């Protein structure tokens, strides 16, 4: 039987030791190496080229997401399973986007961990139910609305000049308005764009292609 070569990455020695002892009982798995941070994981992966890597997320020097991305880019034969205590909204999609094939929490049962390792070796994904919920929540969030449609043509004229860095006085001269009128337009624009000041309004305008 060809054994699955596995590397364990975690900044806590007791976690690495526990996983090594747990997995060394399995005939089909061989723990070929360990790393205590993301940077070390990348270096060890280059040397060992394990089939599967169990990757913690929160570590010094380089976190698990950055390490996963580096490993998957440089050593695509290495499959990464995130094994972490965290299932916060952004960590899950960030890890998947970085190239992780699995996302498990550290309360995972031994049988489920073994199944995930075997699946990863076959190139098949495994997600903890909570990680699945977080991904679904991300996918079903409403797309941010482009608020420019709420502006009138004159307000768009004012916004263009704000984006060009003009002051209220300069805008008044450019559009043949009083400074007080411009001030009123600016206030309305900030409210409609849901921003706090004219700098944020200018950034919003640039981001959405207002010229």
C-alpha atoms as a PDB file:
ATOM      1  CA  UNK A   1       0.000   0.000   0.000  1.00  0.00           C
ATOM      2  CA  UNK A   2       1.297   3.459  -0.941  1.00  0.00           C
ATOM      3  CA  UNK A   3       1.072   5.707   2.096  1.00  0.00           C
ATOM      4  CA  UNK A   4      -0.230   9.274   1.994  1.00  0.00           C
ATOM      5  CA  UNK A   5       2.697  11.537   2.847  1.00  0.00           C
ATOM      6  CA  UNK A   6       1.514  14.202   5.256  1.00  0.00           C
ATOM      7  CA  UNK A   7       3.003  17.358   6.783  1.00  0.00           C
ATOM      8  CA  UNK A   8       1.634  19.075   9.909  1.00  0.00           C
ATOM      9  CA  UNK A   9       1.852  22.864  10.246  1.00  0.00           C
ATOM     10  CA  UNK A  10       0.939  24.477  13.579  1.00  0.00           C
ATOM     11  CA  UNK A  11       2.705  26.948  15.852  1.00  0.00           C
ATOM     12  CA  UNK A  12       1.806  24.929  18.958  1.00  0.00           C
ATOM     13  CA  UNK A  13       4.171  22.002  19.556  1.00  0.00           C
ATOM     14  CA  UNK A  14       1.582  20.110  21.601  1.00  0.00           C
ATOM     15  CA  UNK A  15      -0.897  20.261  18.701  1.00  0.00           C
ATOM     16  CA  UNK A  16       1.700  18.965  16.261  1.00  0.00           C
ATOM     17  CA  UNK A  17       2.650  16.178  18.666  1.00  0.00           C
ATOM     18  CA  UNK A  18      -0.984  15.222  19.233  1.00  0.00           C
ATOM     19  CA  UNK A  19      -1.731  15.079  15.525  1.00  0.00           C
ATOM     20  CA  UNK A  20       1.444  13.130  14.815  1.00  0.00           C
ATOM     21  CA  UNK A  21       0.606  10.529  17.477  1.00  0.00           C
ATOM     22  CA  UNK A  22      -3.005  10.330  16.321  1.00  0.00           C
ATOM     23  CA  UNK A  23      -2.129   9.871  12.658  1.00  0.00           C
ATOM     24  CA  UNK A  24       0.864   7.591  13.166  1.00  0.00           C
ATOM     25  CA  UNK A  25      -1.620   4.909  14.200  1.00  0.00           C
ATOM     26  CA  UNK A  26      -2.973   4.852  10.651  1.00  0.00           C
ATOM     27  CA  UNK A  27      -1.335   2.421   8.242  1.00  0.00           C
ATOM     28  CA  UNK A  28      -2.154   4.494   5.149  1.00  0.00           C
ATOM     29  CA  UNK A  29      -0.624   7.764   6.454  1.00  0.00           C
ATOM     30  CA  UNK A  30       3.029   8.685   6.946  1.00  0.00           C
ATOM     31  CA  UNK A  31       3.826  11.950   8.727  1.00  0.00           C
ATOM     32  CA  UNK A  32       6.929  13.098   6.831  1.00  0.00           C
ATOM     33  CA  UNK A  33       7.451  16.508   8.432  1.00  0.00           C
ATOM     34  CA  UNK A  34       6.288  19.388  10.589  1.00  0.00           C
ATOM     35  CA  UNK A  35       6.519  23.181  10.577  1.00  0.00           C
ATOM     36  CA  UNK A  36       5.835  25.761  13.270  1.00  0.00           C
ATOM     37  CA  UNK A  37       4.921  28.736  11.040  1.00  0.00           C
ATOM     38  CA  UNK A  38       3.920  29.538   7.487  1.00  0.00           C
ATOM     39  CA  UNK A  39       7.363  30.506   6.270  1.00  0.00           C
ATOM     40  CA  UNK A  40       8.842  27.268   7.554  1.00  0.00           C
ATOM     41  CA  UNK A  41       5.948  25.381   5.973  1.00  0.00           C
ATOM     42  CA  UNK A  42       6.789  26.730   2.519  1.00  0.00           C
ATOM     43  CA  UNK A  43      10.453  25.771   2.907  1.00  0.00           C
ATOM     44  CA  UNK A  44       9.594  22.300   4.201  1.00  0.00           C
ATOM     45  CA  UNK A  45       7.034  21.750   1.459  1.00  0.00           C
ATOM     46  CA  UNK A  46       9.673  22.494  -1.172  1.00  0.00           C
ATOM     47  CA  UNK A  47      11.981  19.887   0.345  1.00  0.00           C
ATOM     48  CA  UNK A  48       9.435  17.181   1.219  1.00  0.00           C
ATOM     49  CA  UNK A  49       6.667  17.685  -1.362  1.00  0.00           C
ATOM     50  CA  UNK A  50       4.050  15.973   0.834  1.00  0.00           C
ATOM     51  CA  UNK A  51       0.784  14.941  -0.764  1.00  0.00           C
ATOM     52  CA  UNK A  52      -1.291  16.563   1.970  1.00  0.00           C
ATOM     53  CA  UNK A  53      -0.573  19.391   4.422  1.00  0.00           C
ATOM     54  CA  UNK A  54      -2.608  20.110   7.556  1.00  0.00           C
ATOM     55  CA  UNK A  55      -2.338  23.886   7.879  1.00  0.00           C
ATOM     56  CA  UNK A  56      -3.129  26.068  10.887  1.00  0.00           C
ATOM     57  CA  UNK A  57      -4.214  29.629  10.066  1.00  0.00           C
ATOM     58  CA  UNK A  58      -2.991  31.877  12.890  1.00  0.00           C
ATOM     59  CA  UNK A  59       0.802  31.622  13.086  1.00  0.00           C
ATOM     60  CA  UNK A  60       3.794  33.966  13.412  1.00  0.00           C
ATOM     61  CA  UNK A  61       5.999  35.132  10.506  1.00  0.00           C
ATOM     62  CA  UNK A  62       3.544  34.005   7.822  1.00  0.00           C
ATOM     63  CA  UNK A  63      -0.063  33.021   8.401  1.00  0.00           C
ATOM     64  CA  UNK A  64      -1.690  29.905   7.025  1.00  0.00           C
ATOM     65  CA  UNK A  65      -3.522  31.651   4.186  1.00  0.00           C
ATOM     66  CA  UNK A  66      -0.338  33.225   2.797  1.00  0.00           C
ATOM     67  CA  UNK A  67       1.520  29.936   3.228  1.00  0.00           C
ATOM     68  CA  UNK A  68      -1.254  28.025   1.473  1.00  0.00           C
ATOM     69  CA  UNK A  69      -1.181  30.415  -1.451  1.00  0.00           C
ATOM     70  CA  UNK A  70       2.613  30.172  -1.770  1.00  0.00           C
ATOM     71  CA  UNK A  71       2.597  26.385  -1.558  1.00  0.00           C
ATOM     72  CA  UNK A  72      -0.224  25.918  -4.050  1.00  0.00           C
ATOM     73  CA  UNK A  73       1.400  28.308  -6.530  1.00  0.00           C
ATOM     74  CA  UNK A  74       4.841  26.744  -6.297  1.00  0.00           C
ATOM     75  CA  UNK A  75       4.078  23.111  -5.469  1.00  0.00           C
ATOM     76  CA  UNK A  76       0.651  22.309  -6.939  1.00  0.00           C
ATOM     77  CA  UNK A  77       1.022  18.600  -6.143  1.00  0.00           C
ATOM     78  CA  UNK A  78       0.702  19.504  -2.423  1.00  0.00           C
ATOM     79  CA  UNK A  79      -2.919  19.624  -1.270  1.00  0.00           C
ATOM     80  CA  UNK A  80      -3.661  21.822   1.757  1.00  0.00           C
ATOM     81  CA  UNK A  81      -6.325  21.185   4.386  1.00  0.00           C
ATOM     82  CA  UNK A  82      -6.852  24.094   6.755  1.00  0.00           C
ATOM     83  CA  UNK A  83      -7.190  22.812  10.329  1.00  0.00           C
ATOM     84  CA  UNK A  84      -8.066  25.710  12.594  1.00  0.00           C
ATOM     85  CA  UNK A  85     -10.096  26.889  15.562  1.00  0.00           C
ATOM     86  CA  UNK A  86     -11.672  29.691  13.523  1.00  0.00           C
ATOM     87  CA  UNK A  87     -14.595  29.743  11.091  1.00  0.00           C
ATOM     88  CA  UNK A  88     -15.068  33.505  10.782  1.00  0.00           C
ATOM     89  CA  UNK A  89     -16.755  34.900   7.687  1.00  0.00           C
ATOM     90  CA  UNK A  90     -13.706  36.018   5.745  1.00  0.00           C
ATOM     91  CA  UNK A  91     -11.221  33.316   6.724  1.00  0.00           C
ATOM     92  CA  UNK A  92     -13.111  30.569   4.897  1.00  0.00           C
ATOM     93  CA  UNK A  93     -13.335  32.170   1.421  1.00  0.00           C
ATOM     94  CA  UNK A  94      -9.791  33.555   1.803  1.00  0.00           C
ATOM     95  CA  UNK A  95      -8.454  30.059   2.505  1.00  0.00           C
ATOM     96  CA  UNK A  96     -10.376  28.498  -0.388  1.00  0.00           C
ATOM     97  CA  UNK A  97      -9.266  31.277  -2.728  1.00  0.00           C
ATOM     98  CA  UNK A  98      -5.662  30.702  -1.613  1.00  0.00           C
ATOM     99  CA  UNK A  99      -5.997  27.113  -2.816  1.00  0.00           C
ATOM    100  CA  UNK A 100      -6.985  25.041   0.222  1.00  0.00           C
ATOM    101  CA  UNK A 101      -8.881  21.889  -0.726  1.00  0.00           C
ATOM    102  CA  UNK A 102     -10.339  21.455   2.750  1.00  0.00           C
ATOM    103  CA  UNK A 103     -11.367  23.526   5.758  1.00  0.00           C
ATOM    104  CA  UNK A 104     -11.798  21.749   9.096  1.00  0.00           C
ATOM    105  CA  UNK A 105     -12.150  22.913  12.676  1.00  0.00           C
ATOM    106  CA  UNK A 106      -9.980  21.433  15.408  1.00  0.00           C
ATOM    107  CA  UNK A 107     -12.991  19.829  17.063  1.00  0.00           C
ATOM    108  CA  UNK A 108     -13.187  17.460  14.085  1.00  0.00           C
ATOM    109  CA  UNK A 109     -13.595  13.757  14.853  1.00  0.00           C
ATOM    110  CA  UNK A 110     -10.686  11.470  13.994  1.00  0.00           C
ATOM    111  CA  UNK A 111     -12.713   9.591  11.400  1.00  0.00           C
ATOM    112  CA  UNK A 112     -13.719  12.795   9.654  1.00  0.00           C
ATOM    113  CA  UNK A 113     -10.097  14.030   9.669  1.00  0.00           C
ATOM    114  CA  UNK A 114      -8.901  10.776   8.115  1.00  0.00           C
ATOM    115  CA  UNK A 115     -11.635  10.943   5.487  1.00  0.00           C
ATOM    116  CA  UNK A 116     -10.624  14.527   4.638  1.00  0.00           C
ATOM    117  CA  UNK A 117      -6.955  13.550   4.298  1.00  0.00           C
ATOM    118  CA  UNK A 118      -7.833  10.640   2.022  1.00  0.00           C
ATOM    119  CA  UNK A 119     -10.140  12.870  -0.030  1.00  0.00           C
ATOM    120  CA  UNK A 120      -7.445  15.554  -0.358  1.00  0.00           C
ATOM    121  CA  UNK A 121      -4.956  12.945  -1.598  1.00  0.00           C
ATOM    122  CA  UNK A 122      -7.507  12.124  -4.328  1.00  0.00           C
ATOM    123  CA  UNK A 123      -7.972  15.826  -5.107  1.00  0.00           C
ATOM    124  CA  UNK A 124     -11.442  15.992  -3.560  1.00  0.00           C
ATOM    125  CA  UNK A 125     -12.572  18.853  -1.273  1.00  0.00           C
ATOM    126  CA  UNK A 126     -13.886  18.592   2.288  1.00  0.00           C
ATOM    127  CA  UNK A 127     -15.497  21.438   4.221  1.00  0.00           C
ATOM    128  CA  UNK A 128     -16.590  21.550   7.854  1.00  0.00           C
ATOM    129  CA  UNK A 129     -20.352  22.262   8.009  1.00  0.00           C
ATOM    130  CA  UNK A 130     -19.703  25.659   9.616  1.00  0.00           C
ATOM    131  CA  UNK A 131     -17.240  26.524   6.828  1.00  0.00           C
ATOM    132  CA  UNK A 132     -19.914  25.578   4.298  1.00  0.00           C
ATOM    133  CA  UNK A 133     -22.392  27.894   6.031  1.00  0.00           C
ATOM    134  CA  UNK A 134     -19.896  30.754   5.956  1.00  0.00           C
ATOM    135  CA  UNK A 135     -19.278  30.247   2.239  1.00  0.00           C
ATOM    136  CA  UNK A 136     -23.006  30.155   1.534  1.00  0.00           C
ATOM    137  CA  UNK A 137     -23.498  33.313   3.577  1.00  0.00           C
ATOM    138  CA  UNK A 138     -20.809  35.056   1.535  1.00  0.00           C
ATOM    139  CA  UNK A 139     -22.398  33.942  -1.734  1.00  0.00           C
ATOM    140  CA  UNK A 140     -25.891  35.092  -0.771  1.00  0.00           C
ATOM    141  CA  UNK A 141     -24.902  38.541   0.497  1.00  0.00           C
ATOM    142  CA  UNK A 142     -26.419  41.296  -1.669  1.00  0.00           C
ATOM    143  CA  UNK A 143     -24.128  42.872  -4.244  1.00  0.00           C
ATOM    144  CA  UNK A 144     -23.157  46.404  -3.138  1.00  0.00           C
ATOM    145  CA  UNK A 145     -25.391  48.895  -4.879  1.00  0.00           C
ATOM    146  CA  UNK A 146     -23.909  51.570  -7.119  1.00  0.00           C
ATOM    147  CA  UNK A 147     -25.341  54.687  -5.519  1.00  0.00           C
ATOM    148  CA  UNK A 148     -24.473  57.033  -8.393  1.00  0.00           C
ATOM    149  CA  UNK A 149     -27.868  56.356  -9.951  1.00  0.00           C
ATOM    150  CA  UNK A 150     -29.474  58.379  -7.147  1.00  0.00           C
ATOM    151  CA  UNK A 151     -27.662  61.567  -8.193  1.00  0.00           C
ATOM    152  CA  UNK A 152     -29.222  64.170 -10.467  1.00  0.00           C
ATOM    153  CA  UNK A 153     -27.353  65.419 -13.533  1.00  0.00           C
ATOM    154  CA  UNK A 154     -26.314  68.593 -11.712  1.00  0.00           C
ATOM    155  CA  UNK A 155     -25.147  66.607  -8.673  1.00  0.00           C
ATOM    156  CA  UNK A 156     -23.047  64.459 -11.016  1.00  0.00           C
ATOM    157  CA  UNK A 157     -21.485  67.654 -12.397  1.00  0.00           C
ATOM    158  CA  UNK A 158     -20.570  68.703  -8.875  1.00  0.00           C
ATOM    159  CA  UNK A 159     -19.222  65.247  -8.043  1.00  0.00           C
ATOM    160  CA  UNK A 160     -16.966  65.274 -11.126  1.00  0.00           C
ATOM    161  CA  UNK A 161     -15.403  68.507  -9.949  1.00  0.00           C
ATOM    162  CA  UNK A 162     -15.060  67.206  -6.380  1.00  0.00           C
ATOM    163  CA  UNK A 163     -13.208  64.227  -7.858  1.00  0.00           C
ATOM    164  CA  UNK A 164     -10.871  66.659  -9.636  1.00  0.00           C
ATOM    165  CA  UNK A 165     -10.043  68.259  -6.304  1.00  0.00           C
ATOM    166  CA  UNK A 166     -11.903  71.539  -6.770  1.00  0.00           C
ATOM    167  CA  UNK A 167     -13.075  73.532  -3.753  1.00  0.00           C
ATOM    168  CA  UNK A 168     -16.659  74.760  -3.337  1.00  0.00           C
ATOM    169  CA  UNK A 169     -15.587  78.189  -4.552  1.00  0.00           C
ATOM    170  CA  UNK A 170     -13.930  76.727  -7.650  1.00  0.00           C
ATOM    171  CA  UNK A 171     -16.944  74.527  -8.357  1.00  0.00           C
ATOM    172  CA  UNK A 172     -19.227  77.550  -8.049  1.00  0.00           C
ATOM    173  CA  UNK A 173     -17.120  79.395 -10.637  1.00  0.00           C
ATOM    174  CA  UNK A 174     -17.026  76.415 -12.993  1.00  0.00           C
ATOM    175  CA  UNK A 175     -20.788  75.810 -12.891  1.00  0.00           C
ATOM    176  CA  UNK A 176     -21.893  79.450 -12.504  1.00  0.00           C
ATOM    177  CA  UNK A 177     -23.527  78.791  -9.159  1.00  0.00           C
ATOM    178  CA  UNK A 178     -23.314  80.500  -5.796  1.00  0.00           C
ATOM    179  CA  UNK A 179     -20.976  78.985  -3.240  1.00  0.00           C
ATOM    180  CA  UNK A 180     -23.945  78.372  -0.932  1.00  0.00           C
ATOM    181  CA  UNK A 181     -25.739  76.408  -3.640  1.00  0.00           C
ATOM    182  CA  UNK A 182     -22.644  74.275  -4.194  1.00  0.00           C
ATOM    183  CA  UNK A 183     -22.394  73.643  -0.464  1.00  0.00           C
ATOM    184  CA  UNK A 184     -25.990  72.363  -0.540  1.00  0.00           C
ATOM    185  CA  UNK A 185     -25.223  70.085  -3.474  1.00  0.00           C
ATOM    186  CA  UNK A 186     -22.153  68.680  -1.723  1.00  0.00           C
ATOM    187  CA  UNK A 187     -24.176  67.913   1.403  1.00  0.00           C
ATOM    188  CA  UNK A 188     -26.824  66.121  -0.670  1.00  0.00           C
ATOM    189  CA  UNK A 189     -24.177  64.150  -2.579  1.00  0.00           C
ATOM    190  CA  UNK A 190     -22.525  62.957   0.643  1.00  0.00           C
ATOM    191  CA  UNK A 191     -25.873  61.761   1.929  1.00  0.00           C
ATOM    192  CA  UNK A 192     -26.824  59.925  -1.261  1.00  0.00           C
ATOM    193  CA  UNK A 193     -23.404  58.236  -1.547  1.00  0.00           C
ATOM    194  CA  UNK A 194     -23.424  57.354   2.174  1.00  0.00           C
ATOM    195  CA  UNK A 195     -19.960  58.827   2.741  1.00  0.00           C
ATOM    196  CA  UNK A 196     -18.658  61.084   5.500  1.00  0.00           C
ATOM    197  CA  UNK A 197     -16.748  63.764   3.596  1.00  0.00           C
ATOM    198  CA  UNK A 198     -15.783  65.059   0.163  1.00  0.00           C
ATOM    199  CA  UNK A 199     -12.574  63.005   0.118  1.00  0.00           C
ATOM    200  CA  UNK A 200     -14.577  59.809   0.433  1.00  0.00           C
ATOM    201  CA  UNK A 201     -16.981  61.111  -2.222  1.00  0.00           C
ATOM    202  CA  UNK A 202     -14.041  61.729  -4.562  1.00  0.00           C
ATOM    203  CA  UNK A 203     -12.694  58.218  -3.928  1.00  0.00           C
ATOM    204  CA  UNK A 204     -16.137  56.735  -4.588  1.00  0.00           C
ATOM    205  CA  UNK A 205     -16.384  58.681  -7.838  1.00  0.00           C
ATOM    206  CA  UNK A 206     -12.965  57.524  -9.032  1.00  0.00           C
ATOM    207  CA  UNK A 207     -13.674  53.917  -8.064  1.00  0.00           C
ATOM    208  CA  UNK A 208     -16.875  53.949 -10.114  1.00  0.00           C
ATOM    209  CA  UNK A 209     -15.341  55.594 -13.181  1.00  0.00           C
ATOM    210  CA  UNK A 210     -16.690  59.126 -12.805  1.00  0.00           C
ATOM    211  CA  UNK A 211     -14.579  61.492 -14.918  1.00  0.00           C
END
